[in-house]
């Protein structure tokens, strides 16, 4: 079994925020927060993402120490993606933020100007 040690974590909070909130990454974190998954399960869990973008996103998250890639010595080879401890913390906060943003807020709605007529 091979594992990435997650040593190349990004240090600055702004960089981390940019990396974990890129287009598809909250969805990836949300799926991995539930349980470790194989590539195919991640792909089917986010139908709109291309295979290329999923591979790219997983590599970036792995490089940043957020996702752990575990290659199992089997025939055929299996790769399982899971969250590191740091990644689980990030996923918890992303999950809370997404839940909060999904809840309609009258305070936000009342501050928006009415739509302009054309």
PDB file of N, CA and C in Angstrom:
ATOM      1  N   UNK A   1       0.839  -1.155   0.000  1.00  0.00           N
ATOM      2  CA  UNK A   1       0.000   0.000   0.000  1.00  0.00           C
ATOM      3  C   UNK A   1       0.898   1.236   0.000  1.00  0.00           C
ATOM      4  N   UNK A   2       0.667   2.166  -0.944  1.00  0.00           N
ATOM      5  CA  UNK A   2       1.445   3.396  -1.017  1.00  0.00           C
ATOM      6  C   UNK A   2       0.565   4.556  -0.618  1.00  0.00           C
ATOM      7  N   UNK A   3       1.136   5.472   0.157  1.00  0.00           N
ATOM      8  CA  UNK A   3       0.383   6.650   0.561  1.00  0.00           C
ATOM      9  C   UNK A   3       1.245   7.878   0.388  1.00  0.00           C
ATOM     10  N   UNK A   4       0.598   8.981   0.005  1.00  0.00           N
ATOM     11  CA  UNK A   4       1.271  10.273  -0.018  1.00  0.00           C
ATOM     12  C   UNK A   4       1.279  10.785   1.405  1.00  0.00           C
ATOM     13  N   UNK A   5       2.421  11.252   1.873  1.00  0.00           N
ATOM     14  CA  UNK A   5       2.528  11.683   3.265  1.00  0.00           C
ATOM     15  C   UNK A   5       1.812  12.988   3.535  1.00  0.00           C
ATOM     16  N   UNK A   6       1.472  13.761   2.489  1.00  0.00           N
ATOM     17  CA  UNK A   6       0.789  15.026   2.706  1.00  0.00           C
ATOM     18  C   UNK A   6       1.724  16.096   3.236  1.00  0.00           C
ATOM     19  N   UNK A   7       3.031  15.963   2.980  1.00  0.00           N
ATOM     20  CA  UNK A   7       4.004  16.917   3.496  1.00  0.00           C
ATOM     21  C   UNK A   7       3.945  18.262   2.788  1.00  0.00           C
ATOM     22  N   UNK A   8       3.479  18.310   1.546  1.00  0.00           N
ATOM     23  CA  UNK A   8       3.483  19.545   0.774  1.00  0.00           C
ATOM     24  C   UNK A   8       2.202  20.343   0.983  1.00  0.00           C
ATOM     25  N   UNK A   9       1.821  20.576   2.215  1.00  0.00           N
ATOM     26  CA  UNK A   9       0.604  21.333   2.484  1.00  0.00           C
ATOM     27  C   UNK A   9       0.856  22.806   2.258  1.00  0.00           C
ATOM     28  N   UNK A  10      -0.159  23.516   1.792  1.00  0.00           N
ATOM     29  CA  UNK A  10      -0.012  24.954   1.595  1.00  0.00           C
ATOM     30  C   UNK A  10      -0.217  25.651   2.931  1.00  0.00           C
ATOM     31  N   UNK A  11       0.535  26.704   3.164  1.00  0.00           N
ATOM     32  CA  UNK A  11       0.586  27.302   4.485  1.00  0.00           C
ATOM     33  C   UNK A  11      -0.328  28.506   4.667  1.00  0.00           C
ATOM     34  N   UNK A  12      -0.449  29.344   3.674  1.00  0.00           N
ATOM     35  CA  UNK A  12      -1.194  30.580   3.854  1.00  0.00           C
ATOM     36  C   UNK A  12      -2.695  30.347   3.734  1.00  0.00           C
ATOM     37  N   UNK A  13      -3.476  30.903   4.667  1.00  0.00           N
ATOM     38  CA  UNK A  13      -4.930  30.692   4.638  1.00  0.00           C
ATOM     39  C   UNK A  13      -5.585  31.124   3.324  1.00  0.00           C
ATOM     40  N   UNK A  14      -5.143  32.224   2.736  1.00  0.00           N
ATOM     41  CA  UNK A  14      -5.741  32.678   1.474  1.00  0.00           C
ATOM     42  C   UNK A  14      -5.498  31.670   0.355  1.00  0.00           C
ATOM     43  N   UNK A  15      -4.323  31.061   0.360  1.00  0.00           N
ATOM     44  CA  UNK A  15      -4.011  30.059  -0.660  1.00  0.00           C
ATOM     45  C   UNK A  15      -4.874  28.821  -0.442  1.00  0.00           C
ATOM     46  N   UNK A  16      -4.988  28.396   0.804  1.00  0.00           N
ATOM     47  CA  UNK A  16      -5.819  27.228   1.119  1.00  0.00           C
ATOM     48  C   UNK A  16      -7.259  27.494   0.692  1.00  0.00           C
ATOM     49  N   UNK A  17      -7.771  28.673   1.017  1.00  0.00           N
ATOM     50  CA  UNK A  17      -9.162  29.009   0.675  1.00  0.00           C
ATOM     51  C   UNK A  17      -9.370  28.974  -0.837  1.00  0.00           C
ATOM     52  N   UNK A  18      -8.423  29.516  -1.575  1.00  0.00           N
ATOM     53  CA  UNK A  18      -8.515  29.501  -3.032  1.00  0.00           C
ATOM     54  C   UNK A  18      -8.514  28.071  -3.557  1.00  0.00           C
ATOM     55  N   UNK A  19      -7.665  27.240  -3.002  1.00  0.00           N
ATOM     56  CA  UNK A  19      -7.546  25.863  -3.485  1.00  0.00           C
ATOM     57  C   UNK A  19      -8.782  25.022  -3.163  1.00  0.00           C
ATOM     58  N   UNK A  20      -9.347  25.186  -1.970  1.00  0.00           N
ATOM     59  CA  UNK A  20     -10.468  24.311  -1.597  1.00  0.00           C
ATOM     60  C   UNK A  20     -11.807  24.827  -2.101  1.00  0.00           C
ATOM     61  N   UNK A  21     -11.854  26.068  -2.587  1.00  0.00           N
ATOM     62  CA  UNK A  21     -13.129  26.598  -3.078  1.00  0.00           C
ATOM     63  C   UNK A  21     -13.161  26.722  -4.595  1.00  0.00           C
ATOM     64  N   UNK A  22     -12.134  26.210  -5.285  1.00  0.00           N
ATOM     65  CA  UNK A  22     -12.157  26.207  -6.746  1.00  0.00           C
ATOM     66  C   UNK A  22     -13.388  25.423  -7.210  1.00  0.00           C
ATOM     67  N   UNK A  23     -13.789  25.611  -8.419  1.00  0.00           N
ATOM     68  CA  UNK A  23     -15.099  25.181  -8.928  1.00  0.00           C
ATOM     69  C   UNK A  23     -15.614  23.822  -8.432  1.00  0.00           C
ATOM     70  N   UNK A  24     -14.881  22.759  -8.586  1.00  0.00           N
ATOM     71  CA  UNK A  24     -15.402  21.430  -8.270  1.00  0.00           C
ATOM     72  C   UNK A  24     -14.972  20.927  -6.900  1.00  0.00           C
ATOM     73  N   UNK A  25     -14.059  21.600  -6.274  1.00  0.00           N
ATOM     74  CA  UNK A  25     -13.462  21.064  -5.057  1.00  0.00           C
ATOM     75  C   UNK A  25     -14.404  20.967  -3.867  1.00  0.00           C
ATOM     76  N   UNK A  26     -15.313  21.908  -3.642  1.00  0.00           N
ATOM     77  CA  UNK A  26     -16.259  21.693  -2.538  1.00  0.00           C
ATOM     78  C   UNK A  26     -17.073  20.404  -2.710  1.00  0.00           C
ATOM     79  N   UNK A  27     -17.442  20.101  -3.948  1.00  0.00           N
ATOM     80  CA  UNK A  27     -18.194  18.860  -4.206  1.00  0.00           C
ATOM     81  C   UNK A  27     -17.337  17.632  -3.910  1.00  0.00           C
ATOM     82  N   UNK A  28     -16.070  17.688  -4.290  1.00  0.00           N
ATOM     83  CA  UNK A  28     -15.155  16.572  -4.016  1.00  0.00           C
ATOM     84  C   UNK A  28     -14.985  16.399  -2.511  1.00  0.00           C
ATOM     85  N   UNK A  29     -14.755  17.514  -1.806  1.00  0.00           N
ATOM     86  CA  UNK A  29     -14.586  17.445  -0.359  1.00  0.00           C
ATOM     87  C   UNK A  29     -15.843  16.913   0.319  1.00  0.00           C
ATOM     88  N   UNK A  30     -16.985  17.330  -0.160  1.00  0.00           N
ATOM     89  CA  UNK A  30     -18.257  16.885   0.426  1.00  0.00           C
ATOM     90  C   UNK A  30     -18.405  15.368   0.276  1.00  0.00           C
ATOM     91  N   UNK A  31     -18.084  14.837  -0.899  1.00  0.00           N
ATOM     92  CA  UNK A  31     -18.186  13.386  -1.116  1.00  0.00           C
ATOM     93  C   UNK A  31     -17.178  12.621  -0.262  1.00  0.00           C
ATOM     94  N   UNK A  32     -15.954  13.119  -0.189  1.00  0.00           N
ATOM     95  CA  UNK A  32     -14.933  12.423   0.586  1.00  0.00           C
ATOM     96  C   UNK A  32     -15.141  12.578   2.083  1.00  0.00           C
ATOM     97  N   UNK A  33     -15.879  13.604   2.479  1.00  0.00           N
ATOM     98  CA  UNK A  33     -16.167  13.785   3.904  1.00  0.00           C
ATOM     99  C   UNK A  33     -17.068  12.660   4.406  1.00  0.00           C
ATOM    100  N   UNK A  34     -17.939  12.162   3.534  1.00  0.00           N
ATOM    101  CA  UNK A  34     -18.826  11.048   3.894  1.00  0.00           C
ATOM    102  C   UNK A  34     -18.037   9.761   4.118  1.00  0.00           C
ATOM    103  N   UNK A  35     -17.127   9.465   3.178  1.00  0.00           N
ATOM    104  CA  UNK A  35     -16.349   8.226   3.244  1.00  0.00           C
ATOM    105  C   UNK A  35     -15.271   8.242   2.164  1.00  0.00           C
ATOM    106  N   UNK A  36     -14.205   7.448   2.341  1.00  0.00           N
ATOM    107  CA  UNK A  36     -13.208   7.310   1.268  1.00  0.00           C
ATOM    108  C   UNK A  36     -13.881   6.712   0.036  1.00  0.00           C
ATOM    109  N   UNK A  37     -13.410   7.120  -1.131  1.00  0.00           N
ATOM    110  CA  UNK A  37     -14.039   6.645  -2.363  1.00  0.00           C
ATOM    111  C   UNK A  37     -12.992   6.361  -3.437  1.00  0.00           C
ATOM    112  N   UNK A  38     -13.376   5.478  -4.346  1.00  0.00           N
ATOM    113  CA  UNK A  38     -12.571   5.236  -5.538  1.00  0.00           C
ATOM    114  C   UNK A  38     -12.922   6.290  -6.575  1.00  0.00           C
ATOM    115  N   UNK A  39     -12.082   6.389  -7.593  1.00  0.00           N
ATOM    116  CA  UNK A  39     -12.254   7.404  -8.623  1.00  0.00           C
ATOM    117  C   UNK A  39     -13.641   7.320  -9.269  1.00  0.00           C
ATOM    118  N   UNK A  40     -14.070   6.130  -9.610  1.00  0.00           N
ATOM    119  CA  UNK A  40     -15.364   5.954 -10.278  1.00  0.00           C
ATOM    120  C   UNK A  40     -16.532   6.445  -9.434  1.00  0.00           C
ATOM    121  N   UNK A  41     -16.450   6.230  -8.134  1.00  0.00           N
ATOM    122  CA  UNK A  41     -17.515   6.699  -7.238  1.00  0.00           C
ATOM    123  C   UNK A  41     -17.527   8.224  -7.177  1.00  0.00           C
ATOM    124  N   UNK A  42     -16.344   8.829  -7.185  1.00  0.00           N
ATOM    125  CA  UNK A  42     -16.285  10.289  -7.214  1.00  0.00           C
ATOM    126  C   UNK A  42     -16.845  10.811  -8.534  1.00  0.00           C
ATOM    127  N   UNK A  43     -16.476  10.150  -9.614  1.00  0.00           N
ATOM    128  CA  UNK A  43     -16.933  10.568 -10.955  1.00  0.00           C
ATOM    129  C   UNK A  43     -18.453  10.487 -11.055  1.00  0.00           C
ATOM    130  N   UNK A  44     -19.037   9.423 -10.549  1.00  0.00           N
ATOM    131  CA  UNK A  44     -20.498   9.293 -10.629  1.00  0.00           C
ATOM    132  C   UNK A  44     -21.200  10.196  -9.615  1.00  0.00           C
ATOM    133  N   UNK A  45     -20.493  10.583  -8.552  1.00  0.00           N
ATOM    134  CA  UNK A  45     -21.082  11.480  -7.564  1.00  0.00           C
ATOM    135  C   UNK A  45     -21.150  12.930  -8.021  1.00  0.00           C
ATOM    136  N   UNK A  46     -20.357  13.267  -9.041  1.00  0.00           N
ATOM    137  CA  UNK A  46     -20.351  14.620  -9.612  1.00  0.00           C
ATOM    138  C   UNK A  46     -20.492  14.466 -11.127  1.00  0.00           C
ATOM    139  N   UNK A  47     -21.696  14.217 -11.619  1.00  0.00           N
ATOM    140  CA  UNK A  47     -21.878  13.893 -13.033  1.00  0.00           C
ATOM    141  C   UNK A  47     -21.410  14.980 -14.009  1.00  0.00           C
ATOM    142  N   UNK A  48     -21.436  16.234 -13.612  1.00  0.00           N
ATOM    143  CA  UNK A  48     -21.098  17.310 -14.544  1.00  0.00           C
ATOM    144  C   UNK A  48     -19.595  17.517 -14.716  1.00  0.00           C
ATOM    145  N   UNK A  49     -18.770  16.932 -13.858  1.00  0.00           N
ATOM    146  CA  UNK A  49     -17.324  17.140 -13.946  1.00  0.00           C
ATOM    147  C   UNK A  49     -16.728  16.199 -14.994  1.00  0.00           C
ATOM    148  N   UNK A  50     -15.766  16.709 -15.767  1.00  0.00           N
ATOM    149  CA  UNK A  50     -15.093  15.854 -16.737  1.00  0.00           C
ATOM    150  C   UNK A  50     -14.053  15.003 -16.011  1.00  0.00           C
ATOM    151  N   UNK A  51     -13.697  13.898 -16.618  1.00  0.00           N
ATOM    152  CA  UNK A  51     -12.703  13.017 -16.019  1.00  0.00           C
ATOM    153  C   UNK A  51     -11.373  13.753 -15.861  1.00  0.00           C
ATOM    154  N   UNK A  52     -11.011  14.519 -16.865  1.00  0.00           N
ATOM    155  CA  UNK A  52      -9.758  15.282 -16.818  1.00  0.00           C
ATOM    156  C   UNK A  52      -9.744  16.276 -15.652  1.00  0.00           C
ATOM    157  N   UNK A  53     -10.855  16.984 -15.453  1.00  0.00           N
ATOM    158  CA  UNK A  53     -10.917  17.971 -14.376  1.00  0.00           C
ATOM    159  C   UNK A  53     -10.912  17.293 -13.008  1.00  0.00           C
ATOM    160  N   UNK A  54     -11.542  16.137 -12.901  1.00  0.00           N
ATOM    161  CA  UNK A  54     -11.532  15.408 -11.638  1.00  0.00           C
ATOM    162  C   UNK A  54     -10.112  14.951 -11.300  1.00  0.00           C
ATOM    163  N   UNK A  55      -9.400  14.413 -12.288  1.00  0.00           N
ATOM    164  CA  UNK A  55      -8.014  13.989 -12.075  1.00  0.00           C
ATOM    165  C   UNK A  55      -7.176  15.185 -11.645  1.00  0.00           C
ATOM    166  N   UNK A  56      -7.308  16.301 -12.350  1.00  0.00           N
ATOM    167  CA  UNK A  56      -6.541  17.506 -12.030  1.00  0.00           C
ATOM    168  C   UNK A  56      -6.843  17.988 -10.606  1.00  0.00           C
ATOM    169  N   UNK A  57      -8.124  18.051 -10.265  1.00  0.00           N
ATOM    170  CA  UNK A  57      -8.526  18.533  -8.940  1.00  0.00           C
ATOM    171  C   UNK A  57      -8.011  17.624  -7.835  1.00  0.00           C
ATOM    172  N   UNK A  58      -8.112  16.313  -8.041  1.00  0.00           N
ATOM    173  CA  UNK A  58      -7.618  15.366  -7.033  1.00  0.00           C
ATOM    174  C   UNK A  58      -6.108  15.482  -6.857  1.00  0.00           C
ATOM    175  N   UNK A  59      -5.390  15.658  -7.947  1.00  0.00           N
ATOM    176  CA  UNK A  59      -3.932  15.819  -7.853  1.00  0.00           C
ATOM    177  C   UNK A  59      -3.565  17.080  -7.080  1.00  0.00           C
ATOM    178  N   UNK A  60      -4.269  18.169  -7.362  1.00  0.00           N
ATOM    179  CA  UNK A  60      -4.006  19.427  -6.660  1.00  0.00           C
ATOM    180  C   UNK A  60      -4.327  19.295  -5.167  1.00  0.00           C
ATOM    181  N   UNK A  61      -5.467  18.686  -4.852  1.00  0.00           N
ATOM    182  CA  UNK A  61      -5.836  18.499  -3.451  1.00  0.00           C
ATOM    183  C   UNK A  61      -4.857  17.573  -2.740  1.00  0.00           C
ATOM    184  N   UNK A  62      -4.365  16.573  -3.448  1.00  0.00           N
ATOM    185  CA  UNK A  62      -3.360  15.673  -2.869  1.00  0.00           C
ATOM    186  C   UNK A  62      -2.058  16.433  -2.632  1.00  0.00           C
ATOM    187  N   UNK A  63      -1.645  17.219  -3.602  1.00  0.00           N
ATOM    188  CA  UNK A  63      -0.407  17.995  -3.474  1.00  0.00           C
ATOM    189  C   UNK A  63      -0.472  18.967  -2.300  1.00  0.00           C
ATOM    190  N   UNK A  64      -1.673  19.498  -2.040  1.00  0.00           N
ATOM    191  CA  UNK A  64      -1.853  20.463  -0.963  1.00  0.00           C
ATOM    192  C   UNK A  64      -2.056  19.807   0.402  1.00  0.00           C
ATOM    193  N   UNK A  65      -2.041  18.480   0.453  1.00  0.00           N
ATOM    194  CA  UNK A  65      -2.175  17.785   1.724  1.00  0.00           C
ATOM    195  C   UNK A  65      -3.599  17.712   2.229  1.00  0.00           C
ATOM    196  N   UNK A  66      -4.566  17.841   1.336  1.00  0.00           N
ATOM    197  CA  UNK A  66      -5.976  17.824   1.711  1.00  0.00           C
ATOM    198  C   UNK A  66      -6.585  16.446   1.448  1.00  0.00           C
ATOM    199  N   UNK A  67      -6.143  15.822   0.372  1.00  0.00           N
ATOM    200  CA  UNK A  67      -6.624  14.491  -0.012  1.00  0.00           C
ATOM    201  C   UNK A  67      -5.462  13.514   0.047  1.00  0.00           C
ATOM    202  N   UNK A  68      -5.757  12.314   0.486  1.00  0.00           N
ATOM    203  CA  UNK A  68      -4.773  11.242   0.543  1.00  0.00           C
ATOM    204  C   UNK A  68      -5.133  10.216  -0.525  1.00  0.00           C
ATOM    205  N   UNK A  69      -4.164   9.878  -1.369  1.00  0.00           N
ATOM    206  CA  UNK A  69      -4.359   8.881  -2.421  1.00  0.00           C
ATOM    207  C   UNK A  69      -3.655   7.608  -1.975  1.00  0.00           C
ATOM    208  N   UNK A  70      -4.417   6.520  -1.865  1.00  0.00           N
ATOM    209  CA  UNK A  70      -3.861   5.240  -1.440  1.00  0.00           C
ATOM    210  C   UNK A  70      -4.005   4.241  -2.582  1.00  0.00           C
ATOM    211  N   UNK A  71      -2.862   3.764  -3.081  1.00  0.00           N
ATOM    212  CA  UNK A  71      -2.853   2.760  -4.150  1.00  0.00           C
ATOM    213  C   UNK A  71      -2.728   1.382  -3.513  1.00  0.00           C
ATOM    214  N   UNK A  72      -3.711   0.532  -3.774  1.00  0.00           N
ATOM    215  CA  UNK A  72      -3.710  -0.829  -3.227  1.00  0.00           C
ATOM    216  C   UNK A  72      -3.093  -1.778  -4.248  1.00  0.00           C
ATOM    217  N   UNK A  73      -2.250  -2.677  -3.783  1.00  0.00           N
ATOM    218  CA  UNK A  73      -1.597  -3.659  -4.663  1.00  0.00           C
ATOM    219  C   UNK A  73      -2.568  -4.787  -4.947  1.00  0.00           C
ATOM    220  N   UNK A  74      -3.359  -4.609  -5.962  1.00  0.00           N
ATOM    221  CA  UNK A  74      -4.344  -5.614  -6.349  1.00  0.00           C
ATOM    222  C   UNK A  74      -4.323  -5.742  -7.866  1.00  0.00           C
ATOM    223  N   UNK A  75      -4.954  -6.763  -8.342  1.00  0.00           N
ATOM    224  CA  UNK A  75      -5.168  -6.923  -9.775  1.00  0.00           C
ATOM    225  C   UNK A  75      -6.656  -6.896 -10.019  1.00  0.00           C
ATOM    226  N   UNK A  76      -7.216  -5.960 -10.730  1.00  0.00           N
ATOM    227  CA  UNK A  76      -6.601  -4.736 -11.234  1.00  0.00           C
ATOM    228  C   UNK A  76      -6.299  -3.769 -10.090  1.00  0.00           C
ATOM    229  N   UNK A  77      -5.388  -2.811 -10.336  1.00  0.00           N
ATOM    230  CA  UNK A  77      -5.020  -1.862  -9.287  1.00  0.00           C
ATOM    231  C   UNK A  77      -6.217  -1.038  -8.814  1.00  0.00           C
ATOM    232  N   UNK A  78      -6.258  -0.756  -7.537  1.00  0.00           N
ATOM    233  CA  UNK A  78      -7.312   0.069  -6.949  1.00  0.00           C
ATOM    234  C   UNK A  78      -6.667   1.286  -6.305  1.00  0.00           C
ATOM    235  N   UNK A  79      -7.297   2.417  -6.466  1.00  0.00           N
ATOM    236  CA  UNK A  79      -6.851   3.643  -5.806  1.00  0.00           C
ATOM    237  C   UNK A  79      -8.027   4.179  -5.011  1.00  0.00           C
ATOM    238  N   UNK A  80      -7.776   4.490  -3.762  1.00  0.00           N
ATOM    239  CA  UNK A  80      -8.816   5.032  -2.890  1.00  0.00           C
ATOM    240  C   UNK A  80      -8.395   6.430  -2.461  1.00  0.00           C
ATOM    241  N   UNK A  81      -9.342   7.356  -2.554  1.00  0.00           N
ATOM    242  CA  UNK A  81      -9.111   8.730  -2.127  1.00  0.00           C
ATOM    243  C   UNK A  81      -9.835   8.963  -0.810  1.00  0.00           C
ATOM    244  N   UNK A  82      -9.147   9.612   0.105  1.00  0.00           N
ATOM    245  CA  UNK A  82      -9.737   9.956   1.397  1.00  0.00           C
ATOM    246  C   UNK A  82      -9.198  11.321   1.808  1.00  0.00           C
ATOM    247  N   UNK A  83      -9.750  11.856   2.872  1.00  0.00           N
ATOM    248  CA  UNK A  83      -9.294  13.147   3.372  1.00  0.00           C
ATOM    249  C   UNK A  83      -8.223  12.947   4.430  1.00  0.00           C
ATOM    250  N   UNK A  84      -7.231  13.820   4.426  1.00  0.00           N
ATOM    251  CA  UNK A  84      -6.268  13.855   5.513  1.00  0.00           C
ATOM    252  C   UNK A  84      -6.978  14.492   6.712  1.00  0.00           C
ATOM    253  N   UNK A  85      -6.326  14.524   7.858  1.00  0.00           N
ATOM    254  CA  UNK A  85      -6.926  15.190   9.028  1.00  0.00           C
ATOM    255  C   UNK A  85      -7.185  16.659   8.710  1.00  0.00           C
ATOM    256  N   UNK A  86      -6.230  17.297   8.043  1.00  0.00           N
ATOM    257  CA  UNK A  86      -6.402  18.687   7.639  1.00  0.00           C
ATOM    258  C   UNK A  86      -7.566  18.822   6.657  1.00  0.00           C
ATOM    259  N   UNK A  87      -7.649  17.903   5.697  1.00  0.00           N
ATOM    260  CA  UNK A  87      -8.726  17.918   4.709  1.00  0.00           C
ATOM    261  C   UNK A  87     -10.090  17.714   5.340  1.00  0.00           C
ATOM    262  N   UNK A  88     -10.163  16.847   6.357  1.00  0.00           N
ATOM    263  CA  UNK A  88     -11.436  16.621   7.057  1.00  0.00           C
ATOM    264  C   UNK A  88     -11.891  17.887   7.768  1.00  0.00           C
ATOM    265  N   UNK A  89     -10.945  18.621   8.347  1.00  0.00           N
ATOM    266  CA  UNK A  89     -11.286  19.893   8.982  1.00  0.00           C
ATOM    267  C   UNK A  89     -11.789  20.904   7.965  1.00  0.00           C
ATOM    268  N   UNK A  90     -11.109  20.974   6.830  1.00  0.00           N
ATOM    269  CA  UNK A  90     -11.547  21.879   5.758  1.00  0.00           C
ATOM    270  C   UNK A  90     -12.945  21.489   5.272  1.00  0.00           C
ATOM    271  N   UNK A  91     -13.159  20.189   5.071  1.00  0.00           N
ATOM    272  CA  UNK A  91     -14.451  19.712   4.571  1.00  0.00           C
ATOM    273  C   UNK A  91     -15.573  20.039   5.545  1.00  0.00           C
ATOM    274  N   UNK A  92     -15.293  19.913   6.843  1.00  0.00           N
ATOM    275  CA  UNK A  92     -16.304  20.234   7.852  1.00  0.00           C
ATOM    276  C   UNK A  92     -16.732  21.697   7.737  1.00  0.00           C
ATOM    277  N   UNK A  93     -15.763  22.587   7.560  1.00  0.00           N
ATOM    278  CA  UNK A  93     -16.078  24.007   7.459  1.00  0.00           C
ATOM    279  C   UNK A  93     -16.738  24.364   6.122  1.00  0.00           C
ATOM    280  N   UNK A  94     -16.298  23.731   5.050  1.00  0.00           N
ATOM    281  CA  UNK A  94     -16.939  23.944   3.742  1.00  0.00           C
ATOM    282  C   UNK A  94     -18.382  23.480   3.804  1.00  0.00           C
ATOM    283  N   UNK A  95     -18.602  22.321   4.415  1.00  0.00           N
ATOM    284  CA  UNK A  95     -19.955  21.777   4.568  1.00  0.00           C
ATOM    285  C   UNK A  95     -20.847  22.755   5.337  1.00  0.00           C
ATOM    286  N   UNK A  96     -20.327  23.290   6.429  1.00  0.00           N
ATOM    287  CA  UNK A  96     -21.094  24.248   7.239  1.00  0.00           C
ATOM    288  C   UNK A  96     -21.392  25.520   6.444  1.00  0.00           C
ATOM    289  N   UNK A  97     -20.405  25.985   5.690  1.00  0.00           N
ATOM    290  CA  UNK A  97     -20.612  27.188   4.880  1.00  0.00           C
ATOM    291  C   UNK A  97     -21.649  26.946   3.788  1.00  0.00           C
ATOM    292  N   UNK A  98     -21.565  25.809   3.110  1.00  0.00           N
ATOM    293  CA  UNK A  98     -22.542  25.492   2.066  1.00  0.00           C
ATOM    294  C   UNK A  98     -23.943  25.357   2.648  1.00  0.00           C
ATOM    295  N   UNK A  99     -24.063  24.742   3.817  1.00  0.00           N
ATOM    296  CA  UNK A  99     -25.372  24.627   4.466  1.00  0.00           C
ATOM    297  C   UNK A  99     -25.915  26.007   4.830  1.00  0.00           C
ATOM    298  N   UNK A 100     -25.049  26.854   5.348  1.00  0.00           N
ATOM    299  CA  UNK A 100     -25.465  28.205   5.728  1.00  0.00           C
ATOM    300  C   UNK A 100     -25.926  28.994   4.504  1.00  0.00           C
ATOM    301  N   UNK A 101     -25.176  28.885   3.412  1.00  0.00           N
ATOM    302  CA  UNK A 101     -25.522  29.630   2.200  1.00  0.00           C
ATOM    303  C   UNK A 101     -26.776  29.093   1.523  1.00  0.00           C
ATOM    304  N   UNK A 102     -27.098  27.850   1.760  1.00  0.00           N
ATOM    305  CA  UNK A 102     -28.302  27.261   1.169  1.00  0.00           C
ATOM    306  C   UNK A 102     -29.563  27.731   1.882  1.00  0.00           C
ATOM    307  N   UNK A 103     -29.414  28.204   3.101  1.00  0.00           N
ATOM    308  CA  UNK A 103     -30.551  28.679   3.873  1.00  0.00           C
ATOM    309  C   UNK A 103     -30.892  30.102   3.444  1.00  0.00           C
ATOM    310  N   UNK A 104     -32.126  30.341   2.994  1.00  0.00           N
ATOM    311  CA  UNK A 104     -32.472  31.699   2.576  1.00  0.00           C
ATOM    312  C   UNK A 104     -32.344  32.672   3.745  1.00  0.00           C
ATOM    313  N   UNK A 105     -31.779  33.811   3.463  1.00  0.00           N
ATOM    314  CA  UNK A 105     -31.602  34.813   4.495  1.00  0.00           C
ATOM    315  C   UNK A 105     -32.329  36.075   4.099  1.00  0.00           C
ATOM    316  N   UNK A 106     -33.309  36.454   4.897  1.00  0.00           N
ATOM    317  CA  UNK A 106     -34.070  37.659   4.585  1.00  0.00           C
ATOM    318  C   UNK A 106     -33.207  38.907   4.685  1.00  0.00           C
ATOM    319  N   UNK A 107     -32.196  38.856   5.528  1.00  0.00           N
ATOM    320  CA  UNK A 107     -31.311  40.011   5.669  1.00  0.00           C
ATOM    321  C   UNK A 107     -30.599  40.296   4.348  1.00  0.00           C
ATOM    322  N   UNK A 108     -30.139  39.246   3.689  1.00  0.00           N
ATOM    323  CA  UNK A 108     -29.461  39.434   2.408  1.00  0.00           C
ATOM    324  C   UNK A 108     -30.460  39.870   1.346  1.00  0.00           C
ATOM    325  N   UNK A 109     -31.615  39.221   1.327  1.00  0.00           N
ATOM    326  CA  UNK A 109     -32.623  39.551   0.327  1.00  0.00           C
ATOM    327  C   UNK A 109     -33.100  40.987   0.460  1.00  0.00           C
ATOM    328  N   UNK A 110     -33.202  41.497   1.689  1.00  0.00           N
ATOM    329  CA  UNK A 110     -33.715  42.856   1.877  1.00  0.00           C
ATOM    330  C   UNK A 110     -32.701  43.926   1.473  1.00  0.00           C
ATOM    331  N   UNK A 111     -31.436  43.593   1.409  1.00  0.00           N
ATOM    332  CA  UNK A 111     -30.428  44.575   1.023  1.00  0.00           C
ATOM    333  C   UNK A 111     -30.225  44.666  -0.481  1.00  0.00           C
ATOM    334  N   UNK A 112     -30.735  43.724  -1.209  1.00  0.00           N
ATOM    335  CA  UNK A 112     -30.570  43.735  -2.666  1.00  0.00           C
ATOM    336  C   UNK A 112     -31.546  44.712  -3.289  1.00  0.00           C
ATOM    337  N   UNK A 113     -31.084  45.494  -4.233  1.00  0.00           N
ATOM    338  CA  UNK A 113     -32.007  46.401  -4.918  1.00  0.00           C
ATOM    339  C   UNK A 113     -32.977  45.604  -5.793  1.00  0.00           C
ATOM    340  N   UNK A 114     -34.144  46.153  -6.048  1.00  0.00           N
ATOM    341  CA  UNK A 114     -35.094  45.435  -6.914  1.00  0.00           C
ATOM    342  C   UNK A 114     -34.535  45.314  -8.332  1.00  0.00           C
ATOM    343  N   UNK A 115     -34.908  44.256  -9.047  1.00  0.00           N
ATOM    344  CA  UNK A 115     -34.394  44.096 -10.400  1.00  0.00           C
ATOM    345  C   UNK A 115     -34.855  45.242 -11.306  1.00  0.00           C
ATOM    346  N   UNK A 116     -33.967  45.640 -12.194  1.00  0.00           N
ATOM    347  CA  UNK A 116     -34.307  46.707 -13.133  1.00  0.00           C
ATOM    348  C   UNK A 116     -35.185  46.159 -14.243  1.00  0.00           C
ATOM    349  N   UNK A 117     -36.118  46.984 -14.684  1.00  0.00           N
ATOM    350  CA  UNK A 117     -36.958  46.585 -15.811  1.00  0.00           C
ATOM    351  C   UNK A 117     -36.263  46.972 -17.084  1.00  0.00           C
ATOM    352  N   UNK A 118     -36.451  46.179 -18.089  1.00  0.00           N
ATOM    353  CA  UNK A 118     -35.808  46.453 -19.390  1.00  0.00           C
ATOM    354  C   UNK A 118     -36.766  47.041 -20.350  1.00  0.00           C
TER     355      UNK A 118
END
